[in-house]
Amino acid sequence: LESDVHRLLLLKPLEELLAQRLAVLDTGTGVS
């Protein structure tokens, strides 16, 4: 369980970082 939790703690920040970068791009507003 500790190993799975540490894996989640390592992977989730990368997902959040990518999501934040996508939000900054905001291509939908630009193309609209």
PDB file of all heavy atoms in Angstrom:
ATOM      1  N   LEU A   1       0.838  -1.214   0.000  1.00  0.00           N
ATOM      2  CA  LEU A   1       0.000   0.000   0.000  1.00  0.00           C
ATOM      3  C   LEU A   1       0.865   1.253   0.000  1.00  0.00           C
ATOM      4  O   LEU A   1       0.586   2.226  -0.712  1.00  0.00           O
ATOM      5  CB  LEU A   1      -0.916  -0.011   1.222  1.00  0.00           C
ATOM      6  CG  LEU A   1      -1.783   1.236   1.420  1.00  0.00           C
ATOM      7  CD1 LEU A   1      -2.669   1.474   0.212  1.00  0.00           C
ATOM      8  CD2 LEU A   1      -2.618   1.115   2.692  1.00  0.00           C
ATOM      9  N   GLU A   2       1.953   1.240   0.788  1.00  0.00           N
ATOM     10  CA  GLU A   2       2.849   2.385   0.807  1.00  0.00           C
ATOM     11  C   GLU A   2       3.459   2.630  -0.574  1.00  0.00           C
ATOM     12  O   GLU A   2       3.587   3.781  -1.035  1.00  0.00           O
ATOM     13  CB  GLU A   2       3.951   2.153   1.839  1.00  0.00           C
ATOM     14  CG  GLU A   2       4.934   3.318   1.933  1.00  0.00           C
ATOM     15  CD  GLU A   2       6.171   2.970   2.751  1.00  0.00           C
ATOM     16  OE1 GLU A   2       6.340   1.782   3.111  1.00  0.00           O
ATOM     17  OE2 GLU A   2       6.985   3.877   2.997  1.00  0.00           O
ATOM     18  N   SER A   3       3.826   1.554  -1.255  1.00  0.00           N
ATOM     19  CA  SER A   3       4.399   1.690  -2.585  1.00  0.00           C
ATOM     20  C   SER A   3       3.381   2.304  -3.565  1.00  0.00           C
ATOM     21  O   SER A   3       3.720   3.197  -4.357  1.00  0.00           O
ATOM     22  CB  SER A   3       4.856   0.322  -3.090  1.00  0.00           C
ATOM     23  OG  SER A   3       5.306   0.408  -4.420  1.00  0.00           O
ATOM     24  N   ASP A   4       2.131   1.847  -3.486  1.00  0.00           N
ATOM     25  CA  ASP A   4       1.092   2.406  -4.378  1.00  0.00           C
ATOM     26  C   ASP A   4       0.836   3.877  -4.071  1.00  0.00           C
ATOM     27  O   ASP A   4       0.648   4.692  -4.987  1.00  0.00           O
ATOM     28  CB  ASP A   4      -0.198   1.606  -4.217  1.00  0.00           C
ATOM     29  CG  ASP A   4      -0.059   0.177  -4.732  1.00  0.00           C
ATOM     30  OD1 ASP A   4       0.794  -0.047  -5.617  1.00  0.00           O
ATOM     31  OD2 ASP A   4      -0.798  -0.712  -4.242  1.00  0.00           O
ATOM     32  N   VAL A   5       0.827   4.229  -2.779  1.00  0.00           N
ATOM     33  CA  VAL A   5       0.587   5.628  -2.409  1.00  0.00           C
ATOM     34  C   VAL A   5       1.736   6.512  -2.885  1.00  0.00           C
ATOM     35  O   VAL A   5       1.522   7.624  -3.405  1.00  0.00           O
ATOM     36  CB  VAL A   5       0.384   5.747  -0.885  1.00  0.00           C
ATOM     37  CG1 VAL A   5       0.383   7.212  -0.454  1.00  0.00           C
ATOM     38  CG2 VAL A   5      -0.909   5.074  -0.471  1.00  0.00           C
ATOM     39  N   HIS A   6       2.960   6.047  -2.725  1.00  0.00           N
ATOM     40  CA  HIS A   6       4.100   6.840  -3.207  1.00  0.00           C
ATOM     41  C   HIS A   6       4.064   6.983  -4.732  1.00  0.00           C
ATOM     42  O   HIS A   6       4.447   8.038  -5.257  1.00  0.00           O
ATOM     43  CB  HIS A   6       5.412   6.190  -2.744  1.00  0.00           C
ATOM     44  CG  HIS A   6       5.782   6.522  -1.329  1.00  0.00           C
ATOM     45  ND1 HIS A   6       6.063   7.793  -0.913  1.00  0.00           N
ATOM     46  CD2 HIS A   6       5.906   5.738  -0.209  1.00  0.00           C
ATOM     47  CE1 HIS A   6       6.354   7.805   0.373  1.00  0.00           C
ATOM     48  NE2 HIS A   6       6.267   6.549   0.842  1.00  0.00           N
ATOM     49  N   ARG A   7       3.624   5.946  -5.392  1.00  0.00           N
ATOM     50  CA  ARG A   7       3.490   6.060  -6.854  1.00  0.00           C
ATOM     51  C   ARG A   7       2.436   7.104  -7.226  1.00  0.00           C
ATOM     52  O   ARG A   7       2.607   7.876  -8.169  1.00  0.00           O
ATOM     53  CB  ARG A   7       3.125   4.693  -7.443  1.00  0.00           C
ATOM     54  CG  ARG A   7       3.239   4.626  -8.960  1.00  0.00           C
ATOM     55  CD  ARG A   7       3.477   3.187  -9.406  1.00  0.00           C
ATOM     56  NE  ARG A   7       2.346   2.335  -9.082  1.00  0.00           N
ATOM     57  CZ  ARG A   7       1.354   2.050  -9.930  1.00  0.00           C
ATOM     58  NH1 ARG A   7       1.374   2.566 -11.152  1.00  0.00           N
ATOM     59  NH2 ARG A   7       0.380   1.253  -9.573  1.00  0.00           N
ATOM     60  N   LEU A   8       1.339   7.125  -6.483  1.00  0.00           N
ATOM     61  CA  LEU A   8       0.321   8.152  -6.721  1.00  0.00           C
ATOM     62  C   LEU A   8       0.870   9.546  -6.434  1.00  0.00           C
ATOM     63  O   LEU A   8       0.613  10.499  -7.199  1.00  0.00           O
ATOM     64  CB  LEU A   8      -0.900   7.866  -5.835  1.00  0.00           C
ATOM     65  CG  LEU A   8      -2.050   8.879  -5.908  1.00  0.00           C
ATOM     66  CD1 LEU A   8      -2.622   8.937  -7.314  1.00  0.00           C
ATOM     67  CD2 LEU A   8      -3.129   8.534  -4.896  1.00  0.00           C
ATOM     68  N   LEU A   9       1.654   9.680  -5.353  1.00  0.00           N
ATOM     69  CA  LEU A   9       2.243  10.979  -5.022  1.00  0.00           C
ATOM     70  C   LEU A   9       3.254  11.433  -6.069  1.00  0.00           C
ATOM     71  O   LEU A   9       3.461  12.649  -6.263  1.00  0.00           O
ATOM     72  CB  LEU A   9       2.923  10.904  -3.645  1.00  0.00           C
ATOM     73  CG  LEU A   9       1.979  10.793  -2.442  1.00  0.00           C
ATOM     74  CD1 LEU A   9       2.782  10.529  -1.167  1.00  0.00           C
ATOM     75  CD2 LEU A   9       1.143  12.061  -2.296  1.00  0.00           C
ATOM     76  N   LEU A  10       3.879  10.505  -6.754  1.00  0.00           N
ATOM     77  CA  LEU A  10       4.832  10.859  -7.807  1.00  0.00           C
ATOM     78  C   LEU A  10       4.138  11.192  -9.130  1.00  0.00           C
ATOM     79  O   LEU A  10       4.578  12.083  -9.862  1.00  0.00           O
ATOM     80  CB  LEU A  10       5.824   9.706  -8.017  1.00  0.00           C
ATOM     81  CG  LEU A  10       6.862   9.487  -6.920  1.00  0.00           C
ATOM     82  CD1 LEU A  10       7.650   8.211  -7.211  1.00  0.00           C
ATOM     83  CD2 LEU A  10       7.800  10.689  -6.818  1.00  0.00           C
ATOM     84  N   LEU A  11       3.070  10.471  -9.456  1.00  0.00           N
ATOM     85  CA  LEU A  11       2.434  10.620 -10.762  1.00  0.00           C
ATOM     86  C   LEU A  11       1.436  11.777 -10.813  1.00  0.00           C
ATOM     87  O   LEU A  11       1.295  12.434 -11.845  1.00  0.00           O
ATOM     88  CB  LEU A  11       1.715   9.318 -11.150  1.00  0.00           C
ATOM     89  CG  LEU A  11       2.618   8.117 -11.416  1.00  0.00           C
ATOM     90  CD1 LEU A  11       1.795   6.856 -11.615  1.00  0.00           C
ATOM     91  CD2 LEU A  11       3.495   8.370 -12.630  1.00  0.00           C
ATOM     92  N   LYS A  12       0.737  12.018  -9.718  1.00  0.00           N
ATOM     93  CA  LYS A  12      -0.310  13.049  -9.738  1.00  0.00           C
ATOM     94  C   LYS A  12       0.240  14.447 -10.015  1.00  0.00           C
ATOM     95  O   LYS A  12      -0.380  15.210 -10.768  1.00  0.00           O
ATOM     96  CB  LYS A  12      -1.064  13.033  -8.403  1.00  0.00           C
ATOM     97  CG  LYS A  12      -2.396  13.772  -8.447  1.00  0.00           C
ATOM     98  CD  LYS A  12      -3.353  13.122  -9.427  1.00  0.00           C
ATOM     99  CE  LYS A  12      -4.672  13.873  -9.454  1.00  0.00           C
ATOM    100  NZ  LYS A  12      -5.617  13.280 -10.437  1.00  0.00           N
ATOM    101  N   PRO A  13       1.401  14.841  -9.444  1.00  0.00           N
ATOM    102  CA  PRO A  13       1.929  16.183  -9.774  1.00  0.00           C
ATOM    103  C   PRO A  13       2.205  16.369 -11.269  1.00  0.00           C
ATOM    104  O   PRO A  13       2.001  17.462 -11.801  1.00  0.00           O
ATOM    105  CB  PRO A  13       3.213  16.267  -8.952  1.00  0.00           C
ATOM    106  CG  PRO A  13       2.974  15.350  -7.808  1.00  0.00           C
ATOM    107  CD  PRO A  13       2.185  14.224  -8.372  1.00  0.00           C
ATOM    108  N   LEU A  14       2.673  15.312 -11.941  1.00  0.00           N
ATOM    109  CA  LEU A  14       2.906  15.428 -13.383  1.00  0.00           C
ATOM    110  C   LEU A  14       1.590  15.662 -14.116  1.00  0.00           C
ATOM    111  O   LEU A  14       1.514  16.507 -15.024  1.00  0.00           O
ATOM    112  CB  LEU A  14       3.584  14.155 -13.902  1.00  0.00           C
ATOM    113  CG  LEU A  14       3.789  14.082 -15.419  1.00  0.00           C
ATOM    114  CD1 LEU A  14       4.666  15.231 -15.899  1.00  0.00           C
ATOM    115  CD2 LEU A  14       4.381  12.731 -15.816  1.00  0.00           C
ATOM    116  N   GLU A  15       0.560  14.938 -13.719  1.00  0.00           N
ATOM    117  CA  GLU A  15      -0.765  15.139 -14.337  1.00  0.00           C
ATOM    118  C   GLU A  15      -1.252  16.565 -14.110  1.00  0.00           C
ATOM    119  O   GLU A  15      -1.760  17.214 -15.036  1.00  0.00           O
ATOM    120  CB  GLU A  15      -1.751  14.134 -13.746  1.00  0.00           C
ATOM    121  CG  GLU A  15      -3.166  14.291 -14.282  1.00  0.00           C
ATOM    122  CD  GLU A  15      -4.147  13.383 -13.558  1.00  0.00           C
ATOM    123  OE1 GLU A  15      -3.701  12.465 -12.843  1.00  0.00           O
ATOM    124  OE2 GLU A  15      -5.370  13.607 -13.702  1.00  0.00           O
ATOM    125  N   GLU A  16      -1.094  17.076 -12.878  1.00  0.00           N
ATOM    126  CA  GLU A  16      -1.544  18.437 -12.579  1.00  0.00           C
ATOM    127  C   GLU A  16      -0.732  19.470 -13.349  1.00  0.00           C
ATOM    128  O   GLU A  16      -1.273  20.471 -13.828  1.00  0.00           O
ATOM    129  CB  GLU A  16      -1.426  18.699 -11.075  1.00  0.00           C
ATOM    130  CG  GLU A  16      -2.392  17.901 -10.235  1.00  0.00           C
ATOM    131  CD  GLU A  16      -3.830  18.228 -10.567  1.00  0.00           C
ATOM    132  OE1 GLU A  16      -4.141  19.430 -10.719  1.00  0.00           O
ATOM    133  OE2 GLU A  16      -4.641  17.285 -10.684  1.00  0.00           O
ATOM    134  N   LEU A  17       0.567  19.232 -13.485  1.00  0.00           N
ATOM    135  CA  LEU A  17       1.410  20.168 -14.232  1.00  0.00           C
ATOM    136  C   LEU A  17       0.994  20.233 -15.700  1.00  0.00           C
ATOM    137  O   LEU A  17       0.891  21.322 -16.294  1.00  0.00           O
ATOM    138  CB  LEU A  17       2.877  19.744 -14.105  1.00  0.00           C
ATOM    139  CG  LEU A  17       3.904  20.638 -14.797  1.00  0.00           C
ATOM    140  CD1 LEU A  17       3.896  22.029 -14.174  1.00  0.00           C
ATOM    141  CD2 LEU A  17       5.300  20.037 -14.702  1.00  0.00           C
ATOM    142  N   LEU A  18       0.736  19.073 -16.281  1.00  0.00           N
ATOM    143  CA  LEU A  18       0.282  19.045 -17.675  1.00  0.00           C
ATOM    144  C   LEU A  18      -1.080  19.715 -17.824  1.00  0.00           C
ATOM    145  O   LEU A  18      -1.327  20.441 -18.806  1.00  0.00           O
ATOM    146  CB  LEU A  18       0.216  17.594 -18.164  1.00  0.00           C
ATOM    147  CG  LEU A  18       1.561  16.859 -18.270  1.00  0.00           C
ATOM    148  CD1 LEU A  18       1.331  15.396 -18.613  1.00  0.00           C
ATOM    149  CD2 LEU A  18       2.447  17.511 -19.326  1.00  0.00           C
ATOM    150  N   ALA A  19      -1.984  19.493 -16.866  1.00  0.00           N
ATOM    151  CA  ALA A  19      -3.305  20.116 -16.924  1.00  0.00           C
ATOM    152  C   ALA A  19      -3.203  21.639 -16.809  1.00  0.00           C
ATOM    153  O   ALA A  19      -3.916  22.378 -17.500  1.00  0.00           O
ATOM    154  CB  ALA A  19      -4.192  19.561 -15.815  1.00  0.00           C
ATOM    155  N   GLN A  20      -2.308  22.114 -15.948  1.00  0.00           N
ATOM    156  CA  GLN A  20      -2.122  23.566 -15.817  1.00  0.00           C
ATOM    157  C   GLN A  20      -1.568  24.173 -17.100  1.00  0.00           C
ATOM    158  O   GLN A  20      -1.982  25.262 -17.514  1.00  0.00           O
ATOM    159  CB  GLN A  20      -1.191  23.858 -14.644  1.00  0.00           C
ATOM    160  CG  GLN A  20      -1.798  23.562 -13.284  1.00  0.00           C
ATOM    161  CD  GLN A  20      -0.795  23.705 -12.159  1.00  0.00           C
ATOM    162  OE1 GLN A  20       0.353  24.120 -12.377  1.00  0.00           O
ATOM    163  NE2 GLN A  20      -1.205  23.346 -10.947  1.00  0.00           N
ATOM    164  N   ARG A  21      -0.647  23.467 -17.727  1.00  0.00           N
ATOM    165  CA  ARG A  21      -0.095  23.982 -18.985  1.00  0.00           C
ATOM    166  C   ARG A  21      -1.165  24.012 -20.069  1.00  0.00           C
ATOM    167  O   ARG A  21      -1.244  24.961 -20.859  1.00  0.00           O
ATOM    168  CB  ARG A  21       1.085  23.101 -19.421  1.00  0.00           C
ATOM    169  CG  ARG A  21       1.727  23.531 -20.739  1.00  0.00           C
ATOM    170  CD  ARG A  21       2.145  24.979 -20.703  1.00  0.00           C
ATOM    171  NE  ARG A  21       2.610  25.434 -22.009  1.00  0.00           N
ATOM    172  CZ  ARG A  21       2.753  26.719 -22.329  1.00  0.00           C
ATOM    173  NH1 ARG A  21       2.459  27.672 -21.442  1.00  0.00           N
ATOM    174  NH2 ARG A  21       3.179  27.069 -23.529  1.00  0.00           N
ATOM    175  N   LEU A  22      -2.018  23.004 -20.107  1.00  0.00           N
ATOM    176  CA  LEU A  22      -3.110  23.002 -21.078  1.00  0.00           C
ATOM    177  C   LEU A  22      -4.085  24.147 -20.816  1.00  0.00           C
ATOM    178  O   LEU A  22      -4.606  24.755 -21.750  1.00  0.00           O
ATOM    179  CB  LEU A  22      -3.842  21.658 -21.025  1.00  0.00           C
ATOM    180  CG  LEU A  22      -3.140  20.492 -21.708  1.00  0.00           C
ATOM    181  CD1 LEU A  22      -3.853  19.184 -21.404  1.00  0.00           C
ATOM    182  CD2 LEU A  22      -3.062  20.707 -23.215  1.00  0.00           C
ATOM    183  N   ALA A  23      -4.332  24.427 -19.542  1.00  0.00           N
ATOM    184  CA  ALA A  23      -5.224  25.544 -19.223  1.00  0.00           C
ATOM    185  C   ALA A  23      -4.620  26.878 -19.653  1.00  0.00           C
ATOM    186  O   ALA A  23      -5.336  27.785 -20.091  1.00  0.00           O
ATOM    187  CB  ALA A  23      -5.515  25.560 -17.719  1.00  0.00           C
ATOM    188  N   VAL A  24      -3.292  27.002 -19.538  1.00  0.00           N
ATOM    189  CA  VAL A  24      -2.632  28.237 -19.963  1.00  0.00           C
ATOM    190  C   VAL A  24      -2.713  28.401 -21.484  1.00  0.00           C
ATOM    191  O   VAL A  24      -2.909  29.504 -21.993  1.00  0.00           O
ATOM    192  CB  VAL A  24      -1.164  28.243 -19.490  1.00  0.00           C
ATOM    193  CG1 VAL A  24      -0.384  29.389 -20.129  1.00  0.00           C
ATOM    194  CG2 VAL A  24      -1.104  28.348 -17.976  1.00  0.00           C
ATOM    195  N   LEU A  25      -2.587  27.300 -22.222  1.00  0.00           N
ATOM    196  CA  LEU A  25      -2.664  27.390 -23.686  1.00  0.00           C
ATOM    197  C   LEU A  25      -4.028  27.930 -24.128  1.00  0.00           C
ATOM    198  O   LEU A  25      -4.118  28.828 -24.967  1.00  0.00           O
ATOM    199  CB  LEU A  25      -2.426  26.010 -24.307  1.00  0.00           C
ATOM    200  CG  LEU A  25      -0.981  25.512 -24.307  1.00  0.00           C
ATOM    201  CD1 LEU A  25      -0.914  24.111 -24.891  1.00  0.00           C
ATOM    202  CD2 LEU A  25      -0.072  26.449 -25.092  1.00  0.00           C
ATOM    203  N   ASP A  26      -5.118  27.372 -23.592  1.00  0.00           N
ATOM    204  CA  ASP A  26      -6.481  27.844 -23.863  1.00  0.00           C
ATOM    205  C   ASP A  26      -6.717  28.036 -25.370  1.00  0.00           C
ATOM    206  O   ASP A  26      -7.110  29.111 -25.838  1.00  0.00           O
ATOM    207  CB  ASP A  26      -6.739  29.156 -23.118  1.00  0.00           C
ATOM    208  CG  ASP A  26      -8.226  29.465 -23.032  1.00  0.00           C
ATOM    209  OD1 ASP A  26      -9.031  28.561 -23.320  1.00  0.00           O
ATOM    210  OD2 ASP A  26      -8.578  30.609 -22.686  1.00  0.00           O
ATOM    211  N   THR A  27      -6.450  26.993 -26.119  1.00  0.00           N
ATOM    212  CA  THR A  27      -6.600  27.073 -27.572  1.00  0.00           C
ATOM    213  C   THR A  27      -8.062  27.243 -27.996  1.00  0.00           C
ATOM    214  O   THR A  27      -8.344  27.839 -29.040  1.00  0.00           O
ATOM    215  CB  THR A  27      -6.039  25.800 -28.216  1.00  0.00           C
ATOM    216  OG1 THR A  27      -6.635  24.658 -27.585  1.00  0.00           O
ATOM    217  CG2 THR A  27      -4.535  25.729 -28.054  1.00  0.00           C
ATOM    218  N   GLY A  28      -8.983  26.719 -27.183  1.00  0.00           N
ATOM    219  CA  GLY A  28     -10.396  26.842 -27.545  1.00  0.00           C
ATOM    220  C   GLY A  28     -10.828  28.288 -27.637  1.00  0.00           C
ATOM    221  O   GLY A  28     -11.508  28.699 -28.594  1.00  0.00           O
ATOM    222  N   THR A  29     -10.431  29.106 -26.653  1.00  0.00           N
ATOM    223  CA  THR A  29     -10.771  30.534 -26.690  1.00  0.00           C
ATOM    224  C   THR A  29     -10.095  31.227 -27.870  1.00  0.00           C
ATOM    225  O   THR A  29     -10.690  32.085 -28.538  1.00  0.00           O
ATOM    226  CB  THR A  29     -10.346  31.206 -25.373  1.00  0.00           C
ATOM    227  OG1 THR A  29     -11.001  30.548 -24.283  1.00  0.00           O
ATOM    228  CG2 THR A  29     -10.716  32.669 -25.368  1.00  0.00           C
ATOM    229  N   GLY A  30      -8.846  30.845 -28.137  1.00  0.00           N
ATOM    230  CA  GLY A  30      -8.122  31.476 -29.252  1.00  0.00           C
ATOM    231  C   GLY A  30      -8.755  31.196 -30.596  1.00  0.00           C
ATOM    232  O   GLY A  30      -8.938  32.105 -31.413  1.00  0.00           O
ATOM    233  N   VAL A  31      -9.123  29.940 -30.850  1.00  0.00           N
ATOM    234  CA  VAL A  31      -9.708  29.616 -32.147  1.00  0.00           C
ATOM    235  C   VAL A  31     -11.120  30.187 -32.252  1.00  0.00           C
ATOM    236  O   VAL A  31     -11.563  30.570 -33.352  1.00  0.00           O
ATOM    237  CB  VAL A  31      -9.697  28.087 -32.370  1.00  0.00           C
ATOM    238  CG1 VAL A  31     -10.725  27.379 -31.514  1.00  0.00           C
ATOM    239  CG2 VAL A  31      -9.928  27.753 -33.839  1.00  0.00           C
ATOM    240  N   SER A  32     -11.839  30.289 -31.133  1.00  0.00           N
ATOM    241  CA  SER A  32     -13.166  30.911 -31.165  1.00  0.00           C
ATOM    242  C   SER A  32     -13.053  32.396 -31.506  1.00  0.00           C
ATOM    243  O   SER A  32     -13.846  32.923 -32.293  1.00  0.00           O
ATOM    244  CB  SER A  32     -13.867  30.724 -29.824  1.00  0.00           C
ATOM    245  OG  SER A  32     -14.113  29.360 -29.557  1.00  0.00           O
TER     246      SER A  32
END
